[in-house]
Protein backbone atom coordinates (compact mmCIF):
# COMPACT_ATOMS: atom_id res chain seq x y z
CA MET A 1 -30.43 -6.11 -29.29
CA LEU A 2 -27.52 -5.46 -26.88
CA GLN A 3 -25.11 -4.91 -29.74
CA ILE A 4 -27.47 -2.36 -31.38
CA GLN A 5 -27.74 -0.48 -28.09
CA LYS A 6 -23.96 -0.35 -27.66
CA ALA A 7 -23.61 0.85 -31.23
CA LYS A 8 -26.16 3.65 -30.68
CA ARG A 9 -24.30 4.77 -27.47
CA ARG A 10 -21.04 4.85 -29.36
CA GLN A 11 -22.62 6.97 -32.18
CA ARG A 12 -24.02 9.44 -29.67
CA TRP A 13 -20.73 9.70 -27.81
CA LYS A 14 -18.82 10.41 -31.02
CA ARG A 15 -21.44 13.09 -32.01
CA TYR A 16 -21.11 14.73 -28.53
CA GLN A 17 -17.26 14.66 -28.83
CA THR A 18 -17.58 16.44 -32.21
CA LEU A 19 -20.05 19.03 -30.87
CA ARG A 20 -17.91 19.61 -27.73
CA ALA A 21 -15.11 20.93 -29.92
CA LYS A 22 -17.38 23.75 -31.05
CA ASN A 23 -18.31 26.86 -29.06
CA GLY A 24 -21.66 26.94 -27.22
CA PHE A 25 -21.84 23.19 -26.55
CA THR A 26 -24.37 22.33 -23.92
CA PRO A 27 -24.00 18.80 -22.54
CA PRO A 28 -27.13 16.73 -23.08
CA ARG A 29 -28.83 14.82 -20.25
CA ASP A 30 -27.06 11.52 -21.04
CA TYR A 31 -23.60 13.09 -21.60
CA ARG A 32 -22.21 12.39 -18.09
CA PHE A 33 -23.56 8.78 -18.21
CA LEU A 34 -21.87 8.12 -21.55
CA LYS A 35 -18.61 9.75 -20.40
CA ARG A 36 -18.52 7.58 -17.31
CA TYR A 37 -19.51 4.48 -19.30
CA PHE A 38 -16.73 4.79 -21.92
CA ASN A 39 -14.11 5.87 -19.38
CA GLN A 40 -14.73 2.83 -17.22
CA LYS A 41 -14.75 0.63 -20.32
CA GLY A 42 -11.40 2.01 -21.35
CA GLN A 43 -9.99 1.39 -17.88
CA LYS A 44 -11.13 -2.26 -17.83
CA ALA A 45 -9.62 -2.82 -21.27
CA LYS A 46 -6.18 -1.64 -20.04
CA PHE A 47 -4.03 -4.63 -19.10
CA ILE A 48 -1.01 -4.21 -16.74
CA GLN A 49 1.72 -6.73 -17.63
CA PRO A 50 2.87 -8.43 -14.32
CA ALA A 51 6.51 -9.09 -13.48
CA ILE A 52 6.99 -12.85 -13.15
CA LEU A 53 9.49 -14.41 -10.71
CA GLU A 54 10.08 -18.07 -11.43
CA PHE A 55 11.33 -20.95 -9.31
CA PHE A 56 13.65 -23.46 -10.95
CA ALA A 57 13.36 -27.23 -10.65
CA ASN A 58 16.42 -27.65 -8.38
CA MET A 59 17.67 -24.86 -6.19
CA ASP A 60 20.51 -25.09 -3.70
CA PHE A 61 24.02 -23.65 -3.06
CA VAL A 62 25.95 -26.85 -3.94
CA ASP A 63 25.04 -28.61 -7.15
CA HIS A 64 22.66 -25.97 -8.50
CA ILE A 65 24.15 -22.67 -7.44
CA ASP A 66 23.75 -21.45 -11.08
CA THR A 67 19.93 -21.48 -10.50
CA MET A 68 20.50 -19.30 -7.36
CA VAL A 69 22.43 -16.82 -9.47
CA GLU A 70 19.75 -16.87 -12.19
CA PHE A 71 17.07 -16.26 -9.55
CA THR A 72 19.06 -13.29 -8.23
CA ASN A 73 19.34 -11.95 -11.79
CA GLN A 74 15.54 -12.21 -12.14
CA VAL A 75 15.19 -10.15 -9.03
CA LYS A 76 17.54 -7.48 -10.41
CA ASN A 77 15.64 -7.34 -13.69
CA ILE A 78 12.26 -7.01 -11.97
CA LYS A 79 13.62 -4.27 -9.79
CA LYS A 80 14.10 -2.17 -12.96
CA LEU A 81 10.52 -2.64 -14.17
CA GLN A 82 7.88 0.02 -13.59
CA THR A 83 5.09 -2.41 -12.92
CA LYS A 84 3.95 -3.02 -9.35
CA LYS A 85 2.22 -6.23 -10.24
CA LEU A 86 4.26 -9.27 -9.16
CA GLN A 87 3.54 -12.92 -9.77
CA ILE A 88 5.59 -15.75 -8.30
CA ASN A 89 5.58 -19.00 -10.28
CA HIS A 90 6.35 -22.08 -8.11
CA LYS A 91 5.21 -24.73 -10.63
CA LYS A 92 8.67 -25.81 -11.83
CA ALA A 93 10.01 -26.37 -8.29
CA ARG A 94 10.96 -30.01 -7.57
CA SER A 95 13.78 -29.86 -4.97
CA ILE A 96 14.79 -26.87 -2.86
CA SER A 97 17.16 -26.79 0.07
CA VAL A 98 16.30 -24.96 3.24
CA ALA A 99 19.19 -22.47 2.79
CA ALA A 100 18.01 -21.72 -0.79
CA LEU A 101 14.46 -21.15 0.47
CA LEU A 102 15.63 -18.74 3.13
CA TYR A 103 17.54 -16.76 0.46
CA ILE A 104 14.43 -16.82 -1.76
CA VAL A 105 12.17 -15.57 1.00
CA ALA A 106 14.59 -12.60 1.64
CA GLN A 107 14.73 -11.73 -2.04
CA ILE A 108 10.91 -11.80 -2.43
CA ASP A 109 10.54 -9.74 0.74
CA TYR A 110 12.93 -7.23 -0.87
CA LEU A 111 10.81 -7.01 -4.02
CA ILE A 112 7.60 -6.56 -2.10
CA ASP A 113 9.05 -3.69 0.02
CA LEU A 114 10.48 -2.12 -3.15
CA LYS A 115 7.26 -2.32 -5.11
CA TYR A 116 4.76 -1.58 -2.35
CA GLY A 117 6.74 0.41 0.15
CA THR A 118 6.70 -0.14 3.89
CA LYS A 119 2.90 -0.76 4.07
CA GLU A 120 1.96 -4.40 4.63
CA LYS A 121 1.24 -6.20 1.38
CA ARG A 122 0.05 -9.77 1.65
CA LEU A 123 0.42 -12.13 -1.25
CA LYS A 124 -2.40 -14.17 -2.67
CA TYR A 125 -2.03 -17.90 -3.51
CA SER A 126 -2.86 -19.00 -7.05
CA LYS A 127 -3.18 -22.71 -7.83
CA LYS A 128 -2.09 -21.96 -11.39
CA LEU A 129 1.27 -20.72 -10.04
CA GLY A 130 1.51 -22.89 -6.95
CA LEU A 131 3.57 -25.91 -6.03
CA ASP A 132 3.22 -29.27 -7.72
CA PRO A 133 0.15 -30.78 -5.98
CA HIS A 134 1.82 -34.22 -6.03
CA ASN A 135 5.12 -33.11 -4.39
CA ASP A 136 4.21 -33.63 -0.73
CA LYS A 137 7.80 -33.30 0.48
CA LEU A 138 8.09 -29.79 -0.97
CA LYS A 139 4.57 -28.82 0.17
CA TYR A 140 5.43 -29.91 3.70
CA LEU A 141 8.79 -28.02 3.67
CA PHE A 142 7.14 -24.75 2.56
CA HIS A 143 4.51 -25.13 5.24
CA LYS A 144 6.72 -26.11 8.19
CA ILE A 145 9.57 -23.65 7.49
CA GLY A 146 6.99 -20.85 7.50
CA TYR A 147 7.17 -19.75 3.87
CA TRP A 148 3.38 -19.21 3.39
CA ARG A 149 2.93 -17.76 6.82
CA TYR A 150 5.72 -15.27 6.22
CA PHE A 151 3.85 -13.74 3.28
CA GLY A 152 0.41 -13.85 5.04
CA ILE A 153 -0.97 -16.84 3.23
CA LYS A 154 -3.00 -19.27 5.33
CA LYS A 155 -2.82 -22.97 4.40
CA PRO A 156 -3.06 -22.68 0.60
CA TYR A 157 -3.52 -26.47 0.32
CA LYS A 158 -4.18 -29.50 2.43
CA ILE A 159 -1.11 -30.03 4.57
CA PRO A 160 0.52 -33.42 3.72
CA ARG A 161 1.00 -36.05 6.40
CA ALA A 162 3.86 -35.08 8.70
CA ILE A 163 7.34 -36.10 7.56
CA GLU A 164 8.54 -37.34 10.88
CA ASP A 165 12.28 -37.61 10.04
CA VAL A 166 12.72 -33.81 9.66
CA LEU A 167 12.05 -31.18 12.22
CA PHE A 168 12.05 -27.48 11.24
CA LEU A 169 12.93 -24.23 12.93
CA ARG A 170 10.67 -21.64 11.36
CA ILE A 171 12.00 -18.60 9.49
CA HIS A 172 12.50 -15.59 11.73
CA THR A 173 13.53 -12.06 10.68
CA ASN A 174 14.37 -8.81 12.47
CA THR A 175 16.32 -5.57 12.21
CA SER A 176 17.18 -5.40 15.95
CA ASP A 177 20.29 -6.50 17.84
CA LYS A 178 18.07 -7.65 20.74
CA PHE A 179 18.44 -11.33 19.86
CA GLU A 180 15.79 -12.95 22.03
CA TYR A 181 15.41 -15.53 19.27
CA LEU A 182 18.75 -16.98 20.24
CA ASN A 183 17.14 -18.76 23.20
CA GLU A 184 14.45 -20.19 20.87
CA ILE A 185 17.16 -21.58 18.62
CA LYS A 186 18.93 -23.16 21.52
CA LYS A 187 15.74 -24.72 22.83
CA PHE A 188 15.08 -26.18 19.39
CA ILE A 189 18.63 -27.64 19.33
CA GLN A 190 18.48 -28.97 22.91
CA LYS A 191 15.16 -30.60 22.23
CA GLN A 192 16.61 -32.60 19.34
CA VAL A 193 20.23 -33.31 20.39
CA LYS A 194 22.51 -32.94 23.42
CA LEU A 195 24.79 -30.41 21.71
CA PHE A 196 25.59 -28.17 24.65
CA ASP A 197 26.96 -30.74 27.08
CA ASP A 198 29.34 -28.15 28.47
CA TYR A 199 29.43 -24.43 28.93
CA GLU A 200 32.26 -23.90 26.45
CA LYS A 201 30.27 -25.23 23.50
CA GLU A 202 27.23 -23.12 24.37
CA TYR A 203 29.32 -20.03 24.85
CA LYS A 204 30.94 -20.49 21.41
CA PHE A 205 27.63 -21.09 19.81
CA ASP A 206 26.21 -17.85 21.34
CA ASP A 207 29.41 -16.05 20.22
CA ALA A 208 29.13 -17.35 16.61
CA VAL A 209 25.41 -16.51 16.16
CA LYS A 210 25.79 -13.08 17.74
CA GLU A 211 28.81 -12.48 15.50
CA ALA A 212 26.63 -13.16 12.43
CA LEU A 213 24.09 -10.72 13.87
CA GLY A 214 26.90 -8.18 14.65
CA ASN A 215 28.30 -8.53 11.14
CA ALA A 216 24.79 -7.77 9.71
CA LEU A 217 24.34 -4.70 11.89
CA GLU A 218 27.88 -3.28 11.76
CA HIS A 219 29.38 -4.27 8.46
CA ALA A 220 26.69 -5.54 6.08
CA TYR A 221 24.78 -2.26 6.52
CA PRO A 222 27.22 0.67 6.65
CA SER A 223 25.99 4.06 7.93
CA ASP A 224 25.29 5.35 4.46
CA PHE A 225 23.40 2.20 3.32
CA ASP A 226 20.33 3.39 1.48
CA GLU A 227 19.22 0.88 -1.12
CA PRO A 228 15.46 1.25 -1.94
CA GLY A 229 13.44 -1.73 -0.77
CA LYS A 230 16.09 -2.97 1.72
CA LYS A 231 15.74 -2.36 5.42
CA LYS A 232 18.92 -1.49 7.15
CA GLY A 233 20.07 -4.18 9.56
CA LYS A 234 17.62 -6.81 8.41
CA TRP A 235 18.55 -10.47 8.86
CA TRP A 236 16.83 -13.89 8.57
CA ILE A 237 17.49 -17.19 10.34
CA CYS A 238 16.02 -20.72 10.19
CA GLY A 239 17.11 -24.29 10.63
CA PHE A 240 16.22 -27.98 10.67
CA TYR A 241 17.19 -31.30 12.21
CA ASP A 242 17.24 -34.51 10.04
CA LYS A 243 16.58 -37.41 12.36
CA THR A 244 17.51 -40.13 9.80
CA ASP A 245 20.88 -38.78 8.76
CA LYS A 246 21.38 -37.19 12.21
CA TYR A 247 22.50 -33.70 11.28
CA LEU A 248 21.53 -30.29 12.29
CA GLU A 249 21.66 -27.10 10.15
CA ILE A 250 21.36 -23.47 11.21
CA ILE A 251 21.24 -20.92 8.38
CA PHE A 252 21.69 -17.14 8.73
CA TYR A 253 21.28 -14.56 5.88
CA ASP A 254 21.51 -10.83 5.36
CA TYR A 255 20.97 -8.86 2.13
CA GLY A 256 23.61 -6.22 2.94
CA VAL A 257 26.64 -5.09 0.97
CA GLY A 258 28.41 -8.49 1.02
CA ILE A 259 32.00 -9.48 1.91
CA ARG A 260 33.93 -7.51 -0.68
CA GLU A 261 32.28 -4.15 0.12
CA SER A 262 32.34 -4.85 3.74
CA ILE A 263 36.13 -5.50 3.83
CA ARG A 264 36.82 -2.67 1.43
CA ARG A 265 34.97 -0.17 3.66
CA ASN A 266 36.32 -1.41 7.03
CA LEU A 267 39.83 -2.81 6.48
CA ASP A 268 42.49 -0.25 7.45
CA GLN A 269 44.91 0.35 4.53
CA GLU A 270 47.75 -0.34 6.94
CA ALA A 271 46.43 -3.83 7.88
CA ASP A 272 47.85 -5.63 4.82
CA ARG A 273 48.89 -3.43 1.99
CA SER A 274 49.08 -6.26 -0.59
CA LEU A 275 45.60 -7.52 0.32
CA TRP A 276 44.17 -3.99 0.16
CA ASP A 277 45.60 -3.40 -3.26
CA LYS A 278 44.22 -6.72 -4.54
CA ILE A 279 40.71 -5.82 -3.18
CA GLN A 280 40.84 -2.39 -4.75
CA ASP A 281 41.87 -3.85 -8.10
CA GLY A 282 39.38 -6.70 -7.99
CA LEU A 283 42.17 -9.31 -8.32
CA VAL A 284 40.83 -11.53 -5.45
CA HIS A 285 37.53 -13.29 -5.90
CA ASP A 286 34.99 -13.18 -3.03
CA GLY A 287 35.57 -16.80 -2.08
CA LYS A 288 39.23 -16.03 -1.30
CA LEU A 289 38.15 -12.96 0.69
CA ILE A 290 35.78 -15.11 2.83
CA GLU A 291 38.56 -17.65 3.39
CA ILE A 292 40.88 -14.84 4.55
CA ALA A 293 38.20 -13.52 6.89
CA LEU A 294 37.65 -17.03 8.35
CA THR A 295 41.31 -17.94 8.78
CA ALA A 296 43.15 -14.61 9.36
CA GLU A 297 42.82 -11.88 11.97
CA LEU A 298 41.50 -8.84 10.17
CA SER A 299 41.62 -6.81 13.40
CA LYS A 300 42.76 -3.44 12.07
CA TYR A 301 39.40 -2.00 11.17
CA LYS A 302 38.84 1.69 10.55
CA ARG A 303 36.04 1.99 13.08
CA TYR A 304 36.77 -0.92 15.39
CA LYS A 305 40.47 -0.79 16.19
CA GLU A 306 39.73 -0.83 19.89
CA ARG A 307 37.59 -3.96 19.54
CA ASP A 308 38.14 -7.47 18.24
CA ARG A 309 35.24 -7.55 15.69
CA GLY A 310 37.86 -8.19 12.95
CA LYS A 311 38.41 -11.58 14.53
CA GLY A 312 34.74 -12.35 14.49
CA PHE A 313 34.58 -14.51 11.38
CA LYS A 314 36.95 -16.92 13.00
CA ARG A 315 34.31 -17.49 15.67
CA PHE A 316 32.12 -19.36 13.17
CA ARG A 317 35.06 -21.64 12.58
CA ASP A 318 35.93 -21.97 16.28
CA PHE A 319 32.42 -22.99 17.15
CA ALA A 320 32.52 -25.78 14.46
CA LYS A 321 35.88 -26.99 15.78
CA ALA A 322 34.85 -26.93 19.47
CA LEU A 323 31.84 -29.28 18.94
CA GLY A 324 33.97 -32.39 18.27
CA TYR A 325 31.51 -33.55 15.68
CA ASN A 326 31.92 -33.70 11.94
CA CYS A 327 30.92 -30.21 10.89
CA THR A 328 30.67 -28.12 7.72
CA LEU A 329 30.71 -24.35 7.70
CA VAL A 330 29.56 -22.76 4.40
CA VAL A 331 29.73 -19.07 3.64
CA VAL A 332 28.34 -17.57 0.43
CA SER A 333 28.72 -13.99 -0.74
CA GLY A 334 29.02 -12.15 -4.04
CA ASN A 335 30.88 -14.38 -6.47
CA GLY A 336 32.50 -16.61 -3.91
CA VAL A 337 31.76 -19.72 -1.80
CA VAL A 338 33.81 -21.28 1.06
CA HIS A 339 33.39 -24.77 2.51
CA ILE A 340 35.20 -25.67 5.67
CA ASN A 341 34.86 -29.39 6.61
CA ILE A 342 36.02 -30.47 10.04
CA ASP A 343 36.33 -34.28 10.20
CA GLU A 344 38.07 -36.09 13.08
CA ASN A 345 40.01 -32.95 14.02
CA GLN A 346 41.22 -32.43 10.50
CA GLU A 347 40.23 -29.31 8.67
CA HIS A 348 39.70 -29.01 4.90
CA ILE A 349 39.11 -25.59 3.37
CA ASN A 350 37.86 -25.09 -0.13
CA SER A 351 37.07 -21.67 -1.62
CA HIS A 352 36.05 -21.05 -5.19
CA LYS A 353 34.55 -18.46 -7.56
CA ILE A 354 31.15 -18.86 -9.08
CA GLN A 355 29.82 -17.50 -12.35
CA GLY A 356 27.66 -14.49 -11.57
CA ARG A 357 26.96 -12.90 -8.24
CA LEU A 358 24.69 -13.53 -5.26
CA ASP A 359 23.14 -10.85 -3.03
CA GLY A 360 24.31 -10.29 0.57
CA MET A 361 25.84 -13.10 2.67
CA LEU A 362 24.63 -16.51 3.67
CA ILE A 363 26.19 -18.50 6.53
CA LYS A 364 25.41 -22.11 7.33
CA TRP A 365 26.49 -24.50 10.01
CA GLN A 366 25.96 -28.22 9.43
CA ILE A 367 26.60 -30.40 12.44
CA ARG A 368 26.58 -34.13 12.03
CA ILE A 369 25.68 -35.96 15.21
CA GLY A 370 25.87 -39.42 13.62
CA GLU A 371 27.81 -41.01 10.78
CA LYS A 372 28.56 -38.83 7.81
CA ASP A 373 26.89 -40.18 4.65
CA GLY A 374 28.28 -37.74 2.15
CA ASN A 375 24.90 -36.04 1.62
CA ASP A 376 25.54 -32.28 1.52
CA THR A 377 22.77 -30.18 0.16
CA ILE A 378 22.57 -26.76 1.63
């Protein structure tokens, strides 16, 4: 009976469409009803293909940096699509480092702002695309680091029993240089370990973190920075303390222009002619540029000749050396990665090129309070 009724409506609508093409057509009483019925039916039948952003099984900046590059490429491809419908598939995720998760949060944030503008757009959780329900460690990490909270999702699953051997400093973001969050970071550190046993160490820590912030506001986002979806001056920070292996990590990230463009824009041509030429010609990979910034004094800046901002990258290194613990400083930008390991007052620097490019710049300090066990997963 229902099928017959639908068929009759369709016949009447076709007849009305034929009559409407002729002069002197007077719409019958049910014309508006049928028009609304078939228009709504057509809209419902229209399917908008969503853009899908997928997590990989293992994601970090050490052994699986290729997955971070591939994730970045996904973001670039989605950026080009017209659709505003975005789905994030977490199901493949098995092991993700805190630094990788901070980077992922920033990239998703970028896509949301790009697709939906500045208005608040909360994500919805789907069990079909959610985390492996049996991976309690990953579920606990996403909850405690503030991943769900960041995107406005409230407890999408039953929170696993607390993993007591890891304490987390929740993700924080801002675009301001008023860095009140610095005190919260120091409180978190002091609660776990006696790191600042003298003023000099605390001063160098403040200096290093403020330098990361200063780099984001002054160099990562130049005055003409205007990339759709990216907020000028935006940065992210988080951290954690592993009570079992006794090491602390603080991670900072910005999605600005990266090391190469920053140096190219700010380094005075008179500072080092050979370096300038290599940068202009693309003969130096980004890992080497980071190493130069960390170990040399790039003080002849176009806009900052009267200041010592060019020496700022060295402050990250100075902080690590001042602690007296075994430390690792990692900086990732573009197609380069630098590891500086400080072990018993000996310094080992390793810079290398990666296949593909990463967005912005990530800085991580890893401070080992106890014995070093060789575990390095940033």
